[in-house]
Amino acid sequence: MFGRTTLAVTALALALGMAPATAISTPQDIASTHAYIRANYAFARATEAKTGPVQANVEALNEKLGRECPHVGSGSPQNEESQLLSYEVVVALWSSSYGTDAGPIGTFVETVRRLRWSNPRLTHAVQTYARSLHELATLQMPDLCGDVSAWKASDFKTVPATTPGLDQRVEAIDAKPIPSQLFAPYEQPAERPILARTARLETKLLQTESVVGFNDWDQLLETLGLNQ
């Protein structure tokens, strides 16, 4: 949710046509930036507080699959179809984790979707991010047991017709946070401490998501008996 690289920041800044050194602030720019910074900090804090419940729900999902269809994909090959179903497992993880975080996401989205800047491209980027978070928070849980069972019934030759479409729809969700550098022309000196605290929280969340998320995905694949 919170990955930020220098390359991505530079590319998005160029795409938005923004040069911090030359941007001209309006009162609306400053007010919207202040509201965004506050909302983003609250979102990061609330998401950190949800780390435990998120993991508990993912573990509950794994236990459910272990009861209902343990190793249903045993003997499956490693091919394009297995990759599609492996990605469907990612969708299931996102449905569980972002769904658990739906409260903080909803609060953040409700705040930032009303914000506007004099640069319409920045406004569009913020709205796209908010919309993407909402889409992730409302993802329907895929029928992993049913879909893997159907693939196995075809002698591992044909995945359900819904699987590729689901993967494509979710892959198209562009939930990239707005790089904080893009707000620099509009932020006030008093906001720098909260920006620093937000950055620390987001780094911690990213590290947790990277390590724990991969382990959760690997565990679900093992429970289902799917080859990566």
Protein backbone atom coordinates (compact mmCIF):
# COMPACT_ATOMS: atom_id res chain seq x y z
CA MET A 1 0.00 0.00 0.00
CA PHE A 2 2.74 2.46 0.81
CA GLY A 3 5.67 1.68 -1.52
CA ARG A 4 7.59 4.73 -2.67
CA THR A 5 10.80 4.80 -4.73
CA THR A 6 12.83 7.72 -6.03
CA LEU A 7 12.15 6.63 -9.60
CA ALA A 8 8.41 6.43 -9.04
CA VAL A 9 8.35 9.82 -7.35
CA THR A 10 10.27 11.42 -10.22
CA ALA A 11 8.11 9.79 -12.87
CA LEU A 12 4.86 10.82 -11.21
CA ALA A 13 6.09 14.34 -10.66
CA LEU A 14 6.88 14.64 -14.36
CA ALA A 15 3.56 13.05 -15.31
CA LEU A 16 1.71 15.57 -13.18
CA GLY A 17 3.64 18.39 -14.79
CA MET A 18 4.68 19.66 -11.38
CA ALA A 19 7.98 21.32 -10.57
CA PRO A 20 8.11 22.12 -6.82
CA ALA A 21 10.46 25.04 -7.35
CA THR A 22 8.06 26.82 -9.70
CA ALA A 23 4.64 25.83 -8.36
CA ILE A 24 2.41 28.67 -7.23
CA SER A 25 0.30 28.01 -4.14
CA THR A 26 -3.30 29.14 -3.80
CA PRO A 27 -5.24 29.19 -0.52
CA GLN A 28 -7.15 26.13 -1.74
CA ASP A 29 -3.89 24.30 -2.49
CA ILE A 30 -2.66 24.96 1.04
CA ALA A 31 -5.96 23.98 2.66
CA SER A 32 -6.29 20.78 0.60
CA THR A 33 -2.70 19.82 1.31
CA HIS A 34 -3.19 20.37 5.05
CA ALA A 35 -6.32 18.19 4.99
CA TYR A 36 -4.58 15.48 2.98
CA ILE A 37 -1.55 15.37 5.27
CA ARG A 38 -3.77 15.03 8.35
CA ALA A 39 -5.98 12.39 6.73
CA ASN A 40 -3.00 10.40 5.51
CA TYR A 41 -1.39 10.40 8.96
CA ALA A 42 -4.64 9.26 10.58
CA PHE A 43 -4.97 6.56 7.92
CA ALA A 44 -1.45 5.26 8.57
CA ARG A 45 -2.02 5.18 12.34
CA ALA A 46 -5.36 3.40 11.99
CA THR A 47 -3.89 0.89 9.54
CA GLU A 48 -1.04 0.12 11.91
CA ALA A 49 -3.60 -0.54 14.65
CA LYS A 50 -5.33 -3.01 12.31
CA THR A 51 -2.20 -5.09 11.77
CA GLY A 52 -3.21 -7.66 14.38
CA PRO A 53 -6.82 -8.09 13.18
CA VAL A 54 -5.64 -8.26 9.55
CA GLN A 55 -3.27 -11.11 10.35
CA ALA A 56 -5.91 -12.89 12.43
CA ASN A 57 -8.37 -12.77 9.54
CA VAL A 58 -5.79 -14.05 7.07
CA GLU A 59 -5.03 -16.95 9.42
CA ALA A 60 -8.77 -17.62 9.72
CA LEU A 61 -8.99 -17.73 5.92
CA ASN A 62 -6.16 -20.26 5.80
CA GLU A 63 -7.85 -22.40 8.45
CA LYS A 64 -11.14 -22.26 6.51
CA LEU A 65 -9.42 -23.47 3.34
CA GLY A 66 -7.69 -26.18 5.36
CA ARG A 67 -11.08 -27.43 6.55
CA GLU A 68 -12.99 -27.12 3.28
CA CYS A 69 -10.48 -28.07 0.58
CA PRO A 70 -7.06 -29.05 1.91
CA HIS A 71 -4.54 -29.72 -0.88
CA VAL A 72 -7.30 -29.58 -3.47
CA GLY A 73 -4.72 -28.58 -6.09
CA SER A 74 -2.29 -31.36 -5.25
CA GLY A 75 -0.48 -32.56 -8.37
CA SER A 76 -1.06 -29.33 -10.26
CA PRO A 77 1.55 -28.28 -12.83
CA GLN A 78 3.52 -25.04 -12.94
CA ASN A 79 2.20 -23.26 -16.00
CA GLU A 80 0.19 -20.22 -17.09
CA GLU A 81 -3.00 -21.57 -15.52
CA SER A 82 -1.32 -22.17 -12.17
CA GLN A 83 -0.06 -18.58 -12.25
CA LEU A 84 -3.62 -17.34 -12.77
CA LEU A 85 -4.83 -19.25 -9.74
CA SER A 86 -1.81 -18.19 -7.70
CA TYR A 87 -2.76 -14.59 -8.44
CA GLU A 88 -6.33 -15.37 -7.40
CA VAL A 89 -4.86 -16.32 -4.03
CA VAL A 90 -3.34 -12.82 -3.91
CA VAL A 91 -6.82 -11.43 -4.60
CA ALA A 92 -8.16 -13.44 -1.68
CA LEU A 93 -5.45 -12.05 0.59
CA TRP A 94 -6.23 -8.51 -0.51
CA SER A 95 -9.94 -9.08 -0.02
CA SER A 96 -9.27 -10.20 3.53
CA SER A 97 -6.65 -7.61 4.49
CA TYR A 98 -8.10 -4.54 2.79
CA GLY A 99 -11.57 -5.61 3.88
CA THR A 100 -10.38 -5.68 7.48
CA ASP A 101 -8.96 -2.18 6.96
CA ALA A 102 -12.19 -0.95 5.33
CA GLY A 103 -13.03 1.40 8.22
CA PRO A 104 -9.82 3.46 8.06
CA ILE A 105 -9.91 3.34 4.26
CA GLY A 106 -13.48 4.64 4.21
CA THR A 107 -12.63 7.52 6.52
CA PHE A 108 -9.59 8.47 4.43
CA VAL A 109 -11.50 8.23 1.14
CA GLU A 110 -14.41 10.30 2.46
CA THR A 111 -12.00 13.10 3.36
CA VAL A 112 -9.66 13.22 0.38
CA ARG A 113 -12.19 12.70 -2.40
CA ARG A 114 -13.51 16.22 -1.73
CA LEU A 115 -10.09 17.88 -1.98
CA ARG A 116 -9.06 19.99 -4.96
CA TRP A 117 -5.81 21.62 -6.14
CA SER A 118 -5.10 24.23 -8.77
CA ASN A 119 -3.21 21.54 -10.66
CA PRO A 120 -6.00 19.30 -12.00
CA ARG A 121 -3.59 16.44 -12.56
CA LEU A 122 -2.75 16.31 -8.88
CA THR A 123 -6.45 16.39 -8.04
CA HIS A 124 -7.03 13.53 -10.48
CA ALA A 125 -4.17 11.51 -8.98
CA VAL A 126 -5.59 11.90 -5.46
CA GLN A 127 -9.08 10.95 -6.62
CA THR A 128 -7.71 7.90 -8.47
CA TYR A 129 -5.86 6.78 -5.35
CA ALA A 130 -8.97 7.19 -3.20
CA ARG A 131 -11.13 5.31 -5.70
CA SER A 132 -8.58 2.48 -5.93
CA LEU A 133 -8.46 2.08 -2.16
CA HIS A 134 -12.24 1.86 -2.09
CA GLU A 135 -12.16 -0.83 -4.78
CA LEU A 136 -9.63 -2.84 -2.78
CA ALA A 137 -11.62 -2.47 0.45
CA THR A 138 -14.75 -3.83 -1.28
CA LEU A 139 -13.14 -6.74 -3.16
CA GLN A 140 -15.30 -9.85 -3.10
CA MET A 141 -13.61 -12.97 -1.75
CA PRO A 142 -13.01 -15.36 -4.66
CA ASP A 143 -14.14 -18.99 -4.44
CA LEU A 144 -10.67 -20.53 -4.16
CA CYS A 145 -11.93 -24.00 -3.28
CA GLY A 146 -14.41 -24.04 -6.14
CA ASP A 147 -12.05 -22.58 -8.72
CA VAL A 148 -9.12 -24.86 -7.91
CA SER A 149 -11.48 -27.85 -7.79
CA ALA A 150 -12.84 -26.96 -11.22
CA TRP A 151 -9.31 -26.67 -12.61
CA LYS A 152 -8.44 -30.06 -11.18
CA ALA A 153 -11.62 -31.58 -12.63
CA SER A 154 -10.44 -30.50 -16.09
CA ASP A 155 -7.23 -32.46 -15.50
CA PHE A 156 -5.52 -29.11 -14.84
CA LYS A 157 -6.15 -27.97 -18.40
CA THR A 158 -8.74 -25.17 -18.04
CA VAL A 159 -9.22 -22.63 -15.24
CA PRO A 160 -12.73 -21.27 -14.61
CA ALA A 161 -13.69 -18.55 -17.09
CA THR A 162 -14.08 -16.04 -14.25
CA THR A 163 -10.48 -16.36 -13.05
CA PRO A 164 -8.63 -14.45 -15.81
CA GLY A 165 -11.21 -11.66 -15.74
CA LEU A 166 -10.94 -11.34 -11.96
CA ASP A 167 -7.16 -11.21 -12.13
CA GLN A 168 -7.22 -8.54 -14.83
CA ARG A 169 -9.74 -6.37 -12.99
CA VAL A 170 -7.77 -6.44 -9.76
CA GLU A 171 -4.44 -5.94 -11.51
CA ALA A 172 -5.86 -2.78 -13.08
CA ILE A 173 -6.52 -1.20 -9.67
CA ASP A 174 -3.91 1.54 -9.38
CA ALA A 175 -3.57 2.08 -5.63
CA LYS A 176 -0.32 4.02 -5.68
CA PRO A 177 -0.01 6.54 -2.82
CA ILE A 178 0.74 10.10 -3.87
CA PRO A 179 4.45 10.81 -3.24
CA SER A 180 4.76 13.33 -0.44
CA GLN A 181 7.22 15.38 -2.50
CA LEU A 182 4.39 16.44 -4.78
CA PHE A 183 2.74 18.28 -1.89
CA ALA A 184 5.96 20.06 -0.89
CA PRO A 185 5.12 23.36 -2.66
CA TYR A 186 1.91 23.62 -0.63
CA GLU A 187 2.87 22.31 2.80
CA GLN A 188 3.58 24.53 5.80
CA PRO A 189 6.65 24.27 8.08
CA ALA A 190 4.46 23.23 11.01
CA GLU A 191 3.38 20.14 9.07
CA ARG A 192 6.88 18.68 8.72
CA PRO A 193 6.81 16.74 12.02
CA ILE A 194 3.56 14.96 11.07
CA LEU A 195 5.02 14.19 7.63
CA ALA A 196 8.05 12.61 9.30
CA ARG A 197 5.84 10.52 11.61
CA THR A 198 3.73 9.42 8.65
CA ALA A 199 6.81 8.41 6.69
CA ARG A 200 8.03 6.26 9.59
CA LEU A 201 4.65 4.56 9.92
CA GLU A 202 4.42 3.91 6.19
CA THR A 203 7.91 2.44 6.08
CA LYS A 204 7.04 0.10 8.94
CA LEU A 205 3.79 -0.93 7.26
CA LEU A 206 5.54 -1.56 3.96
CA GLN A 207 8.14 -3.76 5.61
CA THR A 208 5.45 -5.75 7.41
CA GLU A 209 3.38 -6.10 4.25
CA SER A 210 6.37 -7.26 2.20
CA VAL A 211 7.51 -9.97 4.61
CA VAL A 212 4.27 -11.12 6.21
CA GLY A 213 2.29 -10.80 2.98
CA PHE A 214 4.62 -13.10 1.08
CA ASN A 215 4.58 -15.65 3.90
CA ASP A 216 0.77 -15.57 4.00
CA TRP A 217 0.57 -16.08 0.23
CA ASP A 218 3.00 -19.00 0.43
CA GLN A 219 0.99 -20.55 3.26
CA LEU A 220 -2.30 -20.34 1.35
CA LEU A 221 -0.68 -21.90 -1.72
CA GLU A 222 0.58 -24.75 0.46
CA THR A 223 -2.83 -25.25 2.05
CA LEU A 224 -4.45 -25.44 -1.38
CA GLY A 225 -1.66 -27.64 -2.77
CA LEU A 226 -0.91 -25.18 -5.58
CA ASN A 227 2.50 -24.99 -7.21
CA GLN A 228 3.78 -21.42 -7.58
